[in-house]
Amino acid sequence: MTKPGETIPTVPPFWFEFALRSSRETVIFTDTERRIIYANPAVYQSHGYRPEELLGFTSREIFGDIPGNPPDLGEIVQRAAVGGVWKGEIFNRRKDGSIFPVRLVLSTIYGTNGDVLGYAGISTDISRERDRQEQLENYLRQLQEANSFKTEFISTLSHEIRTPLTSIRAFSNILLKMGDKANEETRRDFIGQIHAAAQRLTGMLNRMLDLSKLESGRMGFSNETVNLTGLAWEAIGDMEGLALETGVKLILDNPPLEIPVLGDPDRLREVFHNLLSNAIKYSPSGEEVTVELSRRENGQSWSEVAISDRGPGIPEGEEESIFNRFQQSSTATGKDGVGLGLTISRRIVEHYGGQLDVRPRPGGGSRFTVRLPIPR
C-alpha cells in the first residue's frame, strides 16, 4: 500500500513483452480493420504459422469460415467486444487445416482519448478438456445404459421364468399328490414336461448370462481357423431332434467342401443354433429349412451362410429392431423366447468383422444371412 505523496511504481514495457512471450495462451492483437499486428510465440507454436504468414493478414483471411462456427462470427464477436469484453468457446484452425476448440476472450483496446485502437484476443486450447468431458459423458452414458440393462434384465427375467417355473411346480405338485397312484405313462409324461420346462429355463438363463458378458466385455473369444461347412453339418445334426419333433426338414444345399474363417467354433456354433432353432420353431410342419453356404468376392473374400424358412416372415420395418435385446418380431406371438438369441448372434458375428441381417424369402418366410471374412 502506497503512502500519501508516494508515486505508484510502473512496470517496464519489456516486462509486458516478456509476459506475452512466456504465456501458454495464444495472444493476437489486431487493428480496427482486424489486421493482425502482433502474435505471441504460442500462436506460431500451436497453429504452425510463420510470422510472415500471419502479420498483415486479417483474422478473417486466416480464421474465417471454420466449420462449427457461425458464418458471421467475426462480426458478432467484434460488435460484442466494443465497449467491453467478449468471452466464449469457438473453433480455431491450424495451418494444416485441422480444427480444434478454444476458449476465447476478446477485449477492445482504447486510446487515451477513448478511440478504439484495435482488439486483443487471448485463446486457450480446450481440446483435452473437451476430450475429458466427452469421456466423462460416455462413462455416465454407459453407467445409465448398464443401469437400464440391469432393470430391464431383472424385469424380463422375472417375467419370463414364471412360465417354466409354473410348469415345474405344477407337474411336480401333481406327481407328489398322486404318489403311487400315478401309472408309469403318467409319470413319464409329467417328468418329460418338467424336464422340458427346466431346459427352457436353463437356456433362458444361459442366454441372459451370455448377453451380460457381451455387454460388459467379459465374453471370452478364441481366434482359430474354423471350417464353416463342417460347423454347419454339426449344427444341423444338433438341431435334427427339434426338427423331427416339429415335422420340419433340414437341408444343407450343396455346400463347398471347405470354407475357412477365423473365429471361435463354440461361439459360431451358437450362432447356427440360434438361427436354426428360430427357423424350425417358426416353420409349419412339413416345410423345409434350407442352409446355403457360399463364397463371395467383393474386394475381399467373404463366406456367406443363408438360413431360410417358410415361417410368417419379418414384417417390414422390423428388420433391425428384432436384433435389439428383449425384442421379438410382432409375428412371434405365442412362441417361447425372450428376444436374446438374435442379439447375441449379431454381437458374435460382428466381433469377427462380419454381418448378420434378415431379408424376406421369395415365396414367403425369412432369410437370415451371416457374412464372415475369409482370411487371406
Protein backbone atom coordinates (compact mmCIF):
# COMPACT_ATOMS: atom_id res chain seq x y z
CA MET A 1 0.00 0.00 0.00
CA THR A 2 1.42 3.35 -1.04
CA LYS A 3 1.63 6.25 1.37
CA PRO A 4 0.34 9.75 0.57
CA GLY A 5 2.75 11.59 -1.70
CA GLU A 6 4.40 8.39 -2.94
CA THR A 7 4.30 7.52 -6.62
CA ILE A 8 3.00 4.14 -7.80
CA PRO A 9 5.78 2.09 -9.37
CA THR A 10 5.35 1.50 -13.10
CA VAL A 11 6.01 -1.80 -14.87
CA PRO A 12 8.71 -1.51 -17.52
CA PRO A 13 7.29 -2.14 -21.04
CA PHE A 14 9.66 -5.06 -21.69
CA TRP A 15 8.04 -6.92 -18.76
CA PHE A 16 4.76 -6.99 -20.71
CA GLU A 17 6.61 -8.33 -23.74
CA PHE A 18 8.25 -10.99 -21.55
CA ALA A 19 4.85 -12.00 -20.12
CA LEU A 20 3.32 -12.24 -23.59
CA ARG A 21 6.22 -14.28 -24.96
CA SER A 22 6.14 -16.62 -21.96
CA SER A 23 2.38 -17.17 -21.98
CA ARG A 24 1.00 -20.60 -22.93
CA GLU A 25 -2.19 -18.92 -24.11
CA THR A 26 -2.19 -17.57 -27.63
CA VAL A 27 -2.36 -13.78 -27.84
CA ILE A 28 -3.19 -11.87 -31.04
CA PHE A 29 -3.56 -8.12 -31.46
CA THR A 30 -5.43 -6.69 -34.44
CA ASP A 31 -6.13 -3.15 -35.60
CA THR A 32 -9.61 -1.78 -36.20
CA GLU A 33 -9.65 -3.44 -39.64
CA ARG A 34 -8.88 -6.75 -37.91
CA ARG A 35 -5.41 -7.00 -39.49
CA ILE A 36 -3.05 -8.98 -37.30
CA ILE A 37 -0.33 -6.71 -35.96
CA TYR A 38 1.08 -8.96 -33.23
CA ALA A 39 1.07 -12.67 -32.31
CA ASN A 40 2.99 -14.15 -29.42
CA PRO A 41 5.19 -17.28 -29.83
CA ALA A 42 2.42 -19.55 -28.54
CA VAL A 43 0.38 -18.71 -31.66
CA TYR A 44 3.13 -19.85 -34.03
CA GLN A 45 3.83 -22.98 -31.98
CA SER A 46 0.22 -24.09 -31.69
CA HIS A 47 -1.02 -23.01 -35.13
CA GLY A 48 2.01 -23.86 -37.26
CA TYR A 49 2.30 -20.47 -39.00
CA ARG A 50 5.40 -18.34 -39.54
CA PRO A 51 5.24 -14.60 -38.70
CA GLU A 52 5.16 -13.59 -42.39
CA GLU A 53 2.12 -15.86 -42.87
CA LEU A 54 0.11 -14.08 -40.19
CA LEU A 55 1.20 -10.47 -39.73
CA GLY A 56 -0.64 -8.07 -42.01
CA PHE A 57 -3.41 -10.53 -42.82
CA THR A 58 -6.90 -10.10 -41.42
CA SER A 59 -8.26 -12.54 -38.90
CA ARG A 60 -11.00 -13.43 -41.41
CA GLU A 61 -8.39 -14.42 -44.01
CA ILE A 62 -6.68 -16.73 -41.53
CA PHE A 63 -9.51 -18.00 -39.34
CA GLY A 64 -12.67 -17.26 -41.32
CA ASP A 65 -15.34 -19.79 -42.30
CA ILE A 66 -14.35 -22.52 -39.86
CA PRO A 67 -16.83 -25.44 -39.72
CA GLY A 68 -18.72 -25.32 -36.44
CA ASN A 69 -18.57 -21.51 -36.12
CA PRO A 70 -21.38 -19.16 -37.22
CA PRO A 71 -20.63 -17.66 -40.67
CA ASP A 72 -20.69 -14.12 -39.21
CA LEU A 73 -18.75 -14.99 -36.05
CA GLY A 74 -16.16 -12.26 -36.61
CA GLU A 75 -18.78 -9.51 -36.78
CA ILE A 76 -20.67 -10.93 -33.79
CA VAL A 77 -17.54 -11.05 -31.64
CA GLN A 78 -16.29 -7.64 -32.75
CA ARG A 79 -19.64 -5.91 -32.08
CA ALA A 80 -19.96 -7.59 -28.69
CA ALA A 81 -16.41 -6.60 -27.70
CA VAL A 82 -16.93 -2.90 -28.41
CA GLY A 83 -17.42 -1.29 -25.04
CA GLY A 84 -16.43 -4.43 -23.17
CA VAL A 85 -15.16 -7.96 -23.39
CA TRP A 86 -16.50 -10.97 -25.33
CA LYS A 87 -15.98 -14.46 -23.89
CA GLY A 88 -16.97 -17.76 -25.46
CA GLU A 89 -15.95 -21.11 -26.89
CA ILE A 90 -15.35 -21.37 -30.63
CA PHE A 91 -13.34 -23.46 -33.09
CA ASN A 92 -9.93 -22.43 -34.42
CA ARG A 93 -7.85 -23.67 -37.33
CA ARG A 94 -4.19 -24.55 -37.70
CA LYS A 95 -2.16 -24.04 -40.85
CA ASP A 96 -2.55 -27.73 -41.74
CA GLY A 97 -6.34 -27.30 -41.74
CA SER A 98 -7.04 -29.19 -38.53
CA ILE A 99 -9.84 -27.76 -36.37
CA PHE A 100 -9.72 -27.56 -32.58
CA PRO A 101 -11.85 -25.91 -29.86
CA VAL A 102 -10.64 -22.86 -27.94
CA ARG A 103 -11.91 -20.61 -25.18
CA LEU A 104 -11.59 -17.05 -26.48
CA VAL A 105 -11.50 -13.74 -24.60
CA LEU A 106 -11.67 -10.72 -26.92
CA SER A 107 -11.10 -7.24 -25.49
CA THR A 108 -11.31 -3.82 -27.09
CA ILE A 109 -8.18 -1.66 -26.85
CA TYR A 110 -8.87 2.05 -26.34
CA GLY A 111 -6.59 5.06 -26.76
CA THR A 112 -6.22 7.87 -24.25
CA ASN A 113 -8.97 9.85 -25.98
CA GLY A 114 -11.37 6.91 -25.94
CA ASP A 115 -10.92 5.92 -29.57
CA VAL A 116 -10.87 2.21 -30.46
CA LEU A 117 -7.32 1.29 -31.46
CA GLY A 118 -7.84 -2.40 -32.03
CA TYR A 119 -8.58 -5.70 -30.35
CA ALA A 120 -6.73 -8.23 -28.21
CA GLY A 121 -7.69 -11.88 -28.43
CA ILE A 122 -6.48 -14.42 -25.87
CA SER A 123 -7.40 -18.05 -26.55
CA THR A 124 -6.80 -21.34 -24.77
CA ASP A 125 -6.82 -24.73 -26.47
CA ILE A 126 -9.52 -26.79 -24.72
CA SER A 127 -9.17 -29.99 -26.80
CA ARG A 128 -8.06 -32.06 -23.80
CA GLU A 129 -10.78 -30.52 -21.66
CA ARG A 130 -13.36 -31.42 -24.30
CA ASP A 131 -11.92 -34.94 -24.57
CA ARG A 132 -12.15 -35.41 -20.81
CA GLN A 133 -15.69 -34.07 -20.88
CA GLU A 134 -16.64 -36.47 -23.69
CA GLN A 135 -15.02 -39.36 -21.83
CA LEU A 136 -16.96 -38.44 -18.71
CA GLU A 137 -20.21 -38.15 -20.69
CA ASN A 138 -19.53 -41.53 -22.35
CA TYR A 139 -18.82 -43.08 -18.97
CA LEU A 140 -22.03 -41.65 -17.50
CA ARG A 141 -23.94 -42.84 -20.56
CA GLN A 142 -22.50 -46.33 -20.13
CA LEU A 143 -23.50 -46.29 -16.47
CA GLN A 144 -27.03 -45.26 -17.41
CA GLU A 145 -27.19 -47.96 -20.09
CA ALA A 146 -25.86 -50.54 -17.64
CA ASN A 147 -28.42 -49.50 -15.05
CA SER A 148 -31.17 -49.59 -17.68
CA PHE A 149 -30.00 -53.01 -18.84
CA LYS A 150 -29.95 -54.29 -15.26
CA THR A 151 -33.51 -53.07 -14.65
CA GLU A 152 -34.70 -54.48 -17.98
CA PHE A 153 -32.78 -57.70 -17.36
CA ILE A 154 -34.37 -58.29 -13.95
CA SER A 155 -37.84 -57.31 -15.16
CA THR A 156 -37.69 -59.58 -18.20
CA LEU A 157 -36.09 -62.43 -16.30
CA SER A 158 -38.71 -62.35 -13.54
CA HIS A 159 -41.48 -62.30 -16.14
CA GLU A 160 -40.12 -64.98 -18.46
CA ILE A 161 -39.02 -67.55 -15.87
CA ARG A 162 -42.51 -67.56 -14.39
CA THR A 163 -43.91 -69.84 -17.14
CA PRO A 164 -41.36 -72.69 -16.94
CA LEU A 165 -41.25 -72.44 -13.15
CA THR A 166 -45.04 -72.67 -13.03
CA SER A 167 -44.90 -75.81 -15.19
CA ILE A 168 -42.23 -77.38 -12.99
CA ARG A 169 -44.12 -76.55 -9.82
CA ALA A 170 -47.50 -77.70 -11.18
CA PHE A 171 -46.39 -81.06 -12.60
CA SER A 172 -44.15 -81.89 -9.64
CA ASN A 173 -47.01 -80.94 -7.29
CA ILE A 174 -49.41 -83.29 -9.08
CA LEU A 175 -46.85 -86.11 -9.00
CA LEU A 176 -46.33 -85.62 -5.28
CA LYS A 177 -50.07 -85.68 -4.60
CA MET A 178 -50.70 -88.69 -6.79
CA GLY A 179 -47.85 -90.64 -5.26
CA ASP A 180 -48.08 -94.35 -6.05
CA LYS A 181 -51.45 -93.86 -7.76
CA ALA A 182 -49.76 -92.38 -10.86
CA ASN A 183 -49.12 -95.01 -13.54
CA GLU A 184 -45.84 -95.27 -15.43
CA GLU A 185 -47.14 -93.46 -18.53
CA THR A 186 -48.38 -90.51 -16.47
CA ARG A 187 -45.11 -90.34 -14.56
CA ARG A 188 -43.06 -90.32 -17.77
CA ASP A 189 -45.31 -87.66 -19.31
CA PHE A 190 -45.13 -85.37 -16.28
CA ILE A 191 -41.38 -85.88 -15.83
CA GLY A 192 -40.94 -85.08 -19.52
CA GLN A 193 -42.90 -81.84 -19.04
CA ILE A 194 -40.75 -80.94 -16.03
CA HIS A 195 -37.57 -81.74 -17.97
CA ALA A 196 -38.65 -79.62 -20.97
CA ALA A 197 -39.53 -76.68 -18.70
CA ALA A 198 -36.16 -77.00 -16.93
CA GLN A 199 -34.38 -77.00 -20.31
CA ARG A 200 -36.24 -73.87 -21.40
CA LEU A 201 -35.34 -72.21 -18.11
CA THR A 202 -31.67 -73.22 -18.40
CA GLY A 203 -31.47 -71.96 -21.98
CA MET A 204 -33.09 -68.69 -20.97
CA LEU A 205 -30.66 -68.14 -18.09
CA ASN A 206 -27.65 -69.07 -20.24
CA ARG A 207 -28.63 -66.50 -22.86
CA MET A 208 -29.15 -63.87 -20.20
CA LEU A 209 -25.67 -64.58 -18.82
CA ASP A 210 -24.13 -64.57 -22.31
CA LEU A 211 -25.63 -61.18 -23.07
CA SER A 212 -24.45 -59.86 -19.71
CA LYS A 213 -20.90 -60.99 -20.55
CA LEU A 214 -21.09 -59.43 -24.01
CA GLU A 215 -22.37 -56.15 -22.57
CA SER A 216 -19.57 -56.00 -20.02
CA GLY A 217 -16.82 -57.22 -22.38
CA ARG A 218 -16.17 -60.34 -20.29
CA MET A 219 -17.15 -62.81 -23.01
CA GLY A 220 -14.20 -65.00 -23.95
CA PHE A 221 -13.46 -65.45 -27.68
CA SER A 222 -10.85 -67.70 -29.25
CA ASN A 223 -9.42 -66.92 -32.68
CA GLU A 224 -8.73 -70.03 -34.71
CA THR A 225 -9.33 -71.31 -38.23
CA VAL A 226 -12.76 -72.93 -38.45
CA ASN A 227 -14.25 -74.88 -41.36
CA LEU A 228 -17.68 -73.28 -41.69
CA THR A 229 -19.01 -76.19 -43.75
CA GLY A 230 -18.11 -78.71 -41.05
CA LEU A 231 -19.62 -76.46 -38.41
CA ALA A 232 -22.87 -76.24 -40.40
CA TRP A 233 -23.10 -80.06 -40.59
CA GLU A 234 -22.54 -80.31 -36.84
CA ALA A 235 -25.20 -77.68 -36.06
CA ILE A 236 -27.73 -79.39 -38.33
CA GLY A 237 -27.04 -82.67 -36.51
CA ASP A 238 -27.58 -80.93 -33.17
CA MET A 239 -30.93 -79.50 -34.36
CA GLU A 240 -32.18 -82.68 -36.05
CA GLY A 241 -34.13 -83.79 -32.97
CA LEU A 242 -36.02 -80.50 -32.75
CA ALA A 243 -36.73 -80.62 -36.49
CA LEU A 244 -38.14 -84.18 -36.28
CA GLU A 245 -40.26 -83.22 -33.29
CA THR A 246 -41.87 -80.33 -35.20
CA GLY A 247 -42.05 -82.10 -38.58
CA VAL A 248 -39.60 -79.74 -40.31
CA LYS A 249 -36.94 -80.98 -42.74
CA LEU A 250 -33.39 -79.56 -42.55
CA ILE A 251 -31.48 -79.31 -45.83
CA LEU A 252 -27.84 -78.28 -46.37
CA ASP A 253 -27.88 -77.22 -50.00
CA ASN A 254 -24.80 -78.46 -51.93
CA PRO A 255 -22.16 -76.78 -49.73
CA PRO A 256 -18.47 -76.30 -50.65
CA LEU A 257 -16.18 -78.88 -49.05
CA GLU A 258 -14.43 -76.23 -47.00
CA ILE A 259 -14.88 -72.55 -46.14
CA PRO A 260 -12.18 -71.42 -43.67
CA VAL A 261 -12.94 -68.48 -41.36
CA LEU A 262 -11.29 -67.11 -38.23
CA GLY A 263 -13.44 -67.48 -35.15
CA ASP A 264 -14.42 -69.34 -32.02
CA PRO A 265 -16.10 -72.64 -33.02
CA ASP A 266 -18.27 -72.70 -29.89
CA ARG A 267 -19.49 -69.13 -30.43
CA LEU A 268 -20.12 -69.64 -34.15
CA ARG A 269 -21.94 -72.89 -33.39
CA GLU A 270 -24.13 -70.88 -31.03
CA VAL A 271 -25.00 -68.56 -33.92
CA PHE A 272 -26.01 -71.58 -36.06
CA HIS A 273 -28.09 -72.99 -33.19
CA ASN A 274 -29.91 -69.69 -32.60
CA LEU A 275 -30.75 -69.17 -36.27
CA LEU A 276 -31.72 -72.80 -36.92
CA SER A 277 -33.87 -73.11 -33.80
CA ASN A 278 -35.76 -69.94 -34.79
CA ALA A 279 -36.21 -71.17 -38.37
CA ILE A 280 -37.52 -74.55 -37.15
CA LYS A 281 -39.74 -73.00 -34.49
CA TYR A 282 -41.49 -70.66 -36.93
CA SER A 283 -41.76 -73.04 -39.90
CA PRO A 284 -45.02 -75.01 -40.32
CA SER A 285 -44.86 -78.79 -40.08
CA GLY A 286 -43.93 -80.37 -43.42
CA GLU A 287 -41.89 -77.38 -44.59
CA GLU A 288 -38.13 -77.17 -45.21
CA VAL A 289 -35.43 -75.08 -43.56
CA THR A 290 -32.58 -74.60 -46.03
CA VAL A 291 -28.96 -73.82 -45.18
CA GLU A 292 -26.82 -72.47 -48.04
CA LEU A 293 -23.07 -71.84 -47.84
CA SER A 294 -21.09 -69.93 -50.45
CA ARG A 295 -18.08 -67.71 -51.05
CA ARG A 296 -18.35 -64.13 -52.29
CA GLU A 297 -15.75 -61.76 -53.70
CA ASN A 298 -16.32 -58.05 -53.11
CA GLY A 299 -12.85 -56.55 -52.82
CA GLN A 300 -12.36 -59.15 -50.10
CA SER A 301 -13.22 -62.83 -49.75
CA TRP A 302 -16.38 -63.43 -47.72
CA SER A 303 -18.17 -66.53 -46.55
CA GLU A 304 -21.94 -66.39 -46.66
CA VAL A 305 -24.35 -68.59 -44.72
CA ALA A 306 -28.04 -68.18 -45.54
CA ILE A 307 -30.70 -69.90 -43.41
CA SER A 308 -34.16 -69.74 -44.98
CA ASP A 309 -37.52 -70.75 -43.52
CA ARG A 310 -41.19 -70.73 -44.52
CA GLY A 311 -42.46 -69.04 -41.39
CA PRO A 312 -44.61 -65.89 -41.15
CA GLY A 313 -41.64 -63.69 -42.05
CA ILE A 314 -40.46 -60.42 -40.50
CA PRO A 315 -42.87 -57.51 -41.01
CA GLU A 316 -41.49 -54.54 -42.92
CA GLY A 317 -39.86 -52.05 -40.57
CA GLU A 318 -38.84 -54.69 -38.00
CA GLU A 319 -35.75 -55.98 -39.84
CA GLU A 320 -33.41 -54.15 -37.44
CA SER A 321 -35.45 -53.98 -34.24
CA ILE A 322 -35.53 -57.79 -33.91
CA PHE A 323 -31.77 -57.67 -33.27
CA ASN A 324 -32.28 -55.44 -30.22
CA ARG A 325 -32.19 -57.14 -26.85
CA PHE A 326 -35.54 -58.30 -25.48
CA GLN A 327 -37.16 -57.51 -28.84
CA GLN A 328 -39.13 -60.04 -30.88
CA SER A 329 -41.00 -59.82 -34.14
CA SER A 330 -44.69 -58.98 -33.89
CA THR A 331 -45.28 -62.36 -35.58
CA ALA A 332 -43.69 -64.17 -32.61
CA THR A 333 -46.89 -64.18 -30.54
CA GLY A 334 -47.25 -67.37 -28.56
CA LYS A 335 -43.65 -68.52 -29.15
CA ASP A 336 -41.16 -69.19 -26.37
CA GLY A 337 -38.20 -66.84 -26.04
CA VAL A 338 -37.05 -63.58 -24.52
CA GLY A 339 -35.62 -61.95 -27.65
CA LEU A 340 -31.92 -62.51 -26.93
CA GLY A 341 -30.80 -65.10 -29.47
CA LEU A 342 -30.55 -62.73 -32.41
CA THR A 343 -28.91 -60.02 -30.27
CA ILE A 344 -26.22 -62.44 -29.10
CA SER A 345 -25.74 -63.88 -32.59
CA ARG A 346 -25.19 -60.47 -34.18
CA ARG A 347 -22.74 -59.44 -31.44
CA ILE A 348 -20.71 -62.63 -32.03
CA VAL A 349 -20.68 -62.20 -35.81
CA GLU A 350 -19.71 -58.52 -35.56
CA HIS A 351 -16.90 -59.40 -33.14
CA TYR A 352 -15.25 -61.24 -36.03
CA GLY A 353 -15.80 -58.41 -38.50
CA GLY A 354 -18.91 -59.94 -40.03
CA GLN A 355 -22.54 -59.03 -40.63
CA LEU A 356 -25.89 -60.61 -39.79
CA ASP A 357 -29.11 -59.40 -41.38
CA VAL A 358 -32.52 -60.62 -42.50
CA ARG A 359 -34.49 -60.27 -45.73
CA PRO A 360 -37.84 -61.67 -46.88
CA ARG A 361 -37.62 -65.05 -48.59
CA PRO A 362 -39.20 -65.15 -52.06
CA GLY A 363 -42.48 -67.03 -51.74
CA GLY A 364 -42.80 -66.30 -48.01
CA GLY A 365 -40.69 -66.68 -44.92
CA SER A 366 -37.37 -65.18 -43.86
CA ARG A 367 -33.77 -65.48 -44.98
CA PHE A 368 -31.12 -64.76 -42.32
CA THR A 369 -27.64 -64.25 -43.74
CA VAL A 370 -24.31 -64.41 -41.91
CA ARG A 371 -21.25 -62.97 -43.65
CA LEU A 372 -17.77 -63.57 -42.26
CA PRO A 373 -14.43 -62.52 -43.79
CA ILE A 374 -12.24 -65.31 -45.17
CA PRO A 375 -8.59 -64.86 -44.15
CA ARG A 376 -6.13 -64.38 -46.99
